[in-house]
Amino acid sequence: MRLLRSTDLALRLLMRLAVAGASTPTTRQVAADIDVPYTHATKVVAELQHLGLVDARRGRGGGLALSEKGRRASVGAVVRRFEGDGEVVECEGSSPCPLNSDCRLRGALRRAQEAFYATLDPVTLEEMVAGPTGPLLLEISSRP
């Protein structure tokens, strides 16, 4: 299974904010810290804010911070929201698969997808930023 780029950015952005402490970095700072284009980061921040995982304040003294909901969010829940609930493979649509009515692959792939999410569900951001990841994120963010 391959994650969407936006899912990867969302997880990295949340991890960076999880180690921010009392500081409120800007979207531009976080984008630089995790080495992603600013325009991509702004789209992901907007979605995270819409989901209630990130608080964003504009203007002087503004910045990004994890919301209380963001602190409690599971990695599995975040991945589900960004990846969507779609099928792993396209069995219908403009050129439907001729095996569609008697195929076992679709069900097996769906079970595998659910197992993937179930593995991520108990994982929290706090676990993701425990050593050595958290200290590394702090080191990266303190670079000039």
C-alpha atoms as a PDB file:
ATOM      1  CA  MET A   1       0.000   0.000   0.000  1.00  0.00           C
ATOM      2  CA  ARG A   2       1.247   3.454  -0.831  1.00  0.00           C
ATOM      3  CA  LEU A   3       0.176   6.585   1.047  1.00  0.00           C
ATOM      4  CA  LEU A   4      -0.835   9.771  -0.712  1.00  0.00           C
ATOM      5  CA  ARG A   5       1.690  12.598  -0.509  1.00  0.00           C
ATOM      6  CA  SER A   6      -0.830  14.646   1.481  1.00  0.00           C
ATOM      7  CA  THR A   7      -1.123  11.860   4.076  1.00  0.00           C
ATOM      8  CA  ASP A   8       2.651  11.730   4.478  1.00  0.00           C
ATOM      9  CA  LEU A   9       2.820  15.521   4.841  1.00  0.00           C
ATOM     10  CA  ALA A  10      -0.023  15.530   7.367  1.00  0.00           C
ATOM     11  CA  LEU A  11       1.710  12.968   9.563  1.00  0.00           C
ATOM     12  CA  ARG A  12       5.084  14.725   9.380  1.00  0.00           C
ATOM     13  CA  LEU A  13       3.478  18.100  10.078  1.00  0.00           C
ATOM     14  CA  LEU A  14       1.578  16.739  13.078  1.00  0.00           C
ATOM     15  CA  MET A  15       4.749  15.110  14.413  1.00  0.00           C
ATOM     16  CA  ARG A  16       6.635  18.394  14.062  1.00  0.00           C
ATOM     17  CA  LEU A  17       3.893  20.244  15.933  1.00  0.00           C
ATOM     18  CA  ALA A  18       3.813  17.561  18.625  1.00  0.00           C
ATOM     19  CA  VAL A  19       7.365  18.523  19.639  1.00  0.00           C
ATOM     20  CA  ALA A  20       6.842  22.277  19.276  1.00  0.00           C
ATOM     21  CA  GLY A  21       6.044  22.751  22.961  1.00  0.00           C
ATOM     22  CA  ALA A  22       4.921  26.287  23.726  1.00  0.00           C
ATOM     23  CA  SER A  23       6.280  27.700  20.472  1.00  0.00           C
ATOM     24  CA  THR A  24       3.894  28.266  17.587  1.00  0.00           C
ATOM     25  CA  PRO A  25       5.807  27.865  14.341  1.00  0.00           C
ATOM     26  CA  THR A  26       4.363  29.253  11.133  1.00  0.00           C
ATOM     27  CA  THR A  27       3.347  27.102   8.201  1.00  0.00           C
ATOM     28  CA  ARG A  28       6.386  28.398   6.323  1.00  0.00           C
ATOM     29  CA  GLN A  29       8.707  27.385   9.196  1.00  0.00           C
ATOM     30  CA  VAL A  30       7.206  23.913   9.483  1.00  0.00           C
ATOM     31  CA  ALA A  31       7.379  23.431   5.706  1.00  0.00           C
ATOM     32  CA  ALA A  32      11.078  24.316   5.801  1.00  0.00           C
ATOM     33  CA  ASP A  33      11.674  22.068   8.840  1.00  0.00           C
ATOM     34  CA  ILE A  34      10.177  19.003   7.187  1.00  0.00           C
ATOM     35  CA  ASP A  35      11.495  19.939   3.741  1.00  0.00           C
ATOM     36  CA  VAL A  36       8.243  20.226   1.805  1.00  0.00           C
ATOM     37  CA  PRO A  37       6.947  22.940  -0.525  1.00  0.00           C
ATOM     38  CA  TYR A  38       5.126  25.721   1.306  1.00  0.00           C
ATOM     39  CA  THR A  39       2.129  25.481  -1.035  1.00  0.00           C
ATOM     40  CA  HIS A  40       1.678  21.783  -0.220  1.00  0.00           C
ATOM     41  CA  ALA A  41       2.020  22.471   3.494  1.00  0.00           C
ATOM     42  CA  THR A  42      -0.669  25.179   3.386  1.00  0.00           C
ATOM     43  CA  LYS A  43      -3.170  22.771   1.803  1.00  0.00           C
ATOM     44  CA  VAL A  44      -2.453  20.120   4.416  1.00  0.00           C
ATOM     45  CA  VAL A  45      -2.637  22.650   7.262  1.00  0.00           C
ATOM     46  CA  ALA A  46      -6.028  23.810   5.969  1.00  0.00           C
ATOM     47  CA  GLU A  47      -7.325  20.221   5.995  1.00  0.00           C
ATOM     48  CA  LEU A  48      -5.866  19.528   9.459  1.00  0.00           C
ATOM     49  CA  GLN A  49      -7.486  22.714  10.722  1.00  0.00           C
ATOM     50  CA  HIS A  50     -10.806  21.686   9.133  1.00  0.00           C
ATOM     51  CA  LEU A  51     -10.535  18.328  10.933  1.00  0.00           C
ATOM     52  CA  GLY A  52      -9.921  20.146  14.216  1.00  0.00           C
ATOM     53  CA  LEU A  53      -6.435  18.665  14.690  1.00  0.00           C
ATOM     54  CA  VAL A  54      -4.497  21.921  14.310  1.00  0.00           C
ATOM     55  CA  ASP A  55      -5.157  25.435  15.549  1.00  0.00           C
ATOM     56  CA  ALA A  56      -3.877  28.106  13.179  1.00  0.00           C
ATOM     57  CA  ARG A  57      -3.678  31.802  13.989  1.00  0.00           C
ATOM     58  CA  ARG A  58      -2.824  34.408  11.397  1.00  0.00           C
ATOM     59  CA  GLY A  59      -0.907  37.619  11.783  1.00  0.00           C
ATOM     60  CA  ARG A  60       1.608  38.820  14.300  1.00  0.00           C
ATOM     61  CA  GLY A  61       2.019  36.316  17.102  1.00  0.00           C
ATOM     62  CA  GLY A  62       0.222  33.696  15.042  1.00  0.00           C
ATOM     63  CA  GLY A  63       1.323  30.230  14.131  1.00  0.00           C
ATOM     64  CA  LEU A  64       0.366  26.590  14.322  1.00  0.00           C
ATOM     65  CA  ALA A  65      -0.315  24.396  17.319  1.00  0.00           C
ATOM     66  CA  LEU A  66      -1.835  20.986  17.887  1.00  0.00           C
ATOM     67  CA  SER A  67      -5.357  21.193  19.217  1.00  0.00           C
ATOM     68  CA  GLU A  68      -6.442  19.004  22.104  1.00  0.00           C
ATOM     69  CA  LYS A  69      -8.143  16.734  19.573  1.00  0.00           C
ATOM     70  CA  GLY A  70      -4.884  16.614  17.602  1.00  0.00           C
ATOM     71  CA  ARG A  71      -2.937  15.544  20.669  1.00  0.00           C
ATOM     72  CA  ARG A  72      -5.325  12.608  21.186  1.00  0.00           C
ATOM     73  CA  ALA A  73      -5.674  11.619  17.516  1.00  0.00           C
ATOM     74  CA  SER A  74      -4.543   8.183  16.442  1.00  0.00           C
ATOM     75  CA  VAL A  75      -2.288   7.792  13.441  1.00  0.00           C
ATOM     76  CA  GLY A  76      -4.826   5.378  11.959  1.00  0.00           C
ATOM     77  CA  ALA A  77      -7.616   7.964  12.164  1.00  0.00           C
ATOM     78  CA  VAL A  78      -5.458  10.597  10.454  1.00  0.00           C
ATOM     79  CA  VAL A  79      -4.447   8.203   7.686  1.00  0.00           C
ATOM     80  CA  ARG A  80      -8.091   7.168   7.134  1.00  0.00           C
ATOM     81  CA  ARG A  81      -9.195  10.797   6.827  1.00  0.00           C
ATOM     82  CA  PHE A  82      -6.509  11.684   4.300  1.00  0.00           C
ATOM     83  CA  GLU A  83      -6.613   8.457   2.323  1.00  0.00           C
ATOM     84  CA  GLY A  84     -10.395   8.251   2.198  1.00  0.00           C
ATOM     85  CA  ASP A  85     -12.504   5.170   2.452  1.00  0.00           C
ATOM     86  CA  GLY A  86     -12.140   4.105  -1.161  1.00  0.00           C
ATOM     87  CA  GLU A  87     -11.271   0.714  -2.510  1.00  0.00           C
ATOM     88  CA  VAL A  88      -7.647  -0.307  -3.022  1.00  0.00           C
ATOM     89  CA  VAL A  89      -8.421  -1.163  -6.640  1.00  0.00           C
ATOM     90  CA  GLU A  90     -10.982   0.230  -9.072  1.00  0.00           C
ATOM     91  CA  CYS A  91     -13.368  -2.631  -9.865  1.00  0.00           C
ATOM     92  CA  GLU A  92     -16.141  -0.543 -11.361  1.00  0.00           C
ATOM     93  CA  GLY A  93     -16.294   2.710 -13.259  1.00  0.00           C
ATOM     94  CA  SER A  94     -15.742   3.451 -16.938  1.00  0.00           C
ATOM     95  CA  SER A  95     -14.155   0.064 -17.657  1.00  0.00           C
ATOM     96  CA  PRO A  96     -15.409  -2.376 -15.003  1.00  0.00           C
ATOM     97  CA  CYS A  97     -13.466  -5.530 -14.274  1.00  0.00           C
ATOM     98  CA  PRO A  98     -15.054  -8.570 -15.943  1.00  0.00           C
ATOM     99  CA  LEU A  99     -14.363 -10.605 -12.781  1.00  0.00           C
ATOM    100  CA  ASN A 100     -16.295  -8.185 -10.589  1.00  0.00           C
ATOM    101  CA  SER A 101     -19.205 -10.476  -9.745  1.00  0.00           C
ATOM    102  CA  ASP A 102     -17.111 -13.540  -8.784  1.00  0.00           C
ATOM    103  CA  CYS A 103     -13.782 -12.049  -7.718  1.00  0.00           C
ATOM    104  CA  ARG A 104     -12.211 -12.770  -4.344  1.00  0.00           C
ATOM    105  CA  LEU A 105      -9.372 -10.283  -4.802  1.00  0.00           C
ATOM    106  CA  ARG A 106     -11.486  -7.243  -3.930  1.00  0.00           C
ATOM    107  CA  GLY A 107     -12.484  -8.699  -0.545  1.00  0.00           C
ATOM    108  CA  ALA A 108      -8.935  -9.805   0.254  1.00  0.00           C
ATOM    109  CA  LEU A 109      -7.578  -6.350  -0.556  1.00  0.00           C
ATOM    110  CA  ARG A 110     -10.287  -4.712   1.542  1.00  0.00           C
ATOM    111  CA  ARG A 111      -9.408  -6.926   4.524  1.00  0.00           C
ATOM    112  CA  ALA A 112      -5.715  -6.096   4.046  1.00  0.00           C
ATOM    113  CA  GLN A 113      -6.549  -2.385   3.968  1.00  0.00           C
ATOM    114  CA  GLU A 114      -8.545  -2.684   7.195  1.00  0.00           C
ATOM    115  CA  ALA A 115      -5.695  -4.615   8.834  1.00  0.00           C
ATOM    116  CA  PHE A 116      -3.324  -1.805   7.818  1.00  0.00           C
ATOM    117  CA  TYR A 117      -5.577   0.796   9.464  1.00  0.00           C
ATOM    118  CA  ALA A 118      -6.177  -1.414  12.515  1.00  0.00           C
ATOM    119  CA  THR A 119      -2.409  -1.618  13.028  1.00  0.00           C
ATOM    120  CA  LEU A 120      -2.159   2.191  12.999  1.00  0.00           C
ATOM    121  CA  ASP A 121      -5.260   2.871  15.131  1.00  0.00           C
ATOM    122  CA  PRO A 122      -3.621   2.404  18.552  1.00  0.00           C
ATOM    123  CA  VAL A 123      -0.518   4.411  17.557  1.00  0.00           C
ATOM    124  CA  THR A 124      -0.569   7.981  18.862  1.00  0.00           C
ATOM    125  CA  LEU A 125       1.413  11.048  17.876  1.00  0.00           C
ATOM    126  CA  GLU A 126       3.052  10.926  21.279  1.00  0.00           C
ATOM    127  CA  GLU A 127       4.447   7.481  20.460  1.00  0.00           C
ATOM    128  CA  MET A 128       5.587   8.666  17.041  1.00  0.00           C
ATOM    129  CA  VAL A 129       7.675  11.490  18.500  1.00  0.00           C
ATOM    130  CA  ALA A 130       9.271   9.501  21.305  1.00  0.00           C
ATOM    131  CA  GLY A 131      13.056   9.058  21.067  1.00  0.00           C
ATOM    132  CA  PRO A 132      14.884   9.156  18.758  1.00  0.00           C
ATOM    133  CA  THR A 133      12.342  10.860  16.457  1.00  0.00           C
ATOM    134  CA  GLY A 134      11.290  13.704  18.778  1.00  0.00           C
ATOM    135  CA  PRO A 135      14.811  14.915  19.542  1.00  0.00           C
ATOM    136  CA  LEU A 136      15.661  14.726  15.845  1.00  0.00           C
ATOM    137  CA  LEU A 137      12.587  16.818  14.982  1.00  0.00           C
ATOM    138  CA  LEU A 138      13.660  19.400  17.567  1.00  0.00           C
ATOM    139  CA  GLU A 139      17.182  19.442  16.155  1.00  0.00           C
ATOM    140  CA  ILE A 140      15.869  19.937  12.626  1.00  0.00           C
ATOM    141  CA  SER A 141      13.564  22.760  13.699  1.00  0.00           C
ATOM    142  CA  SER A 142      16.359  24.631  15.477  1.00  0.00           C
ATOM    143  CA  ARG A 143      18.578  24.815  12.403  1.00  0.00           C
ATOM    144  CA  PRO A 144      19.033  28.340  11.020  1.00  0.00           C
END
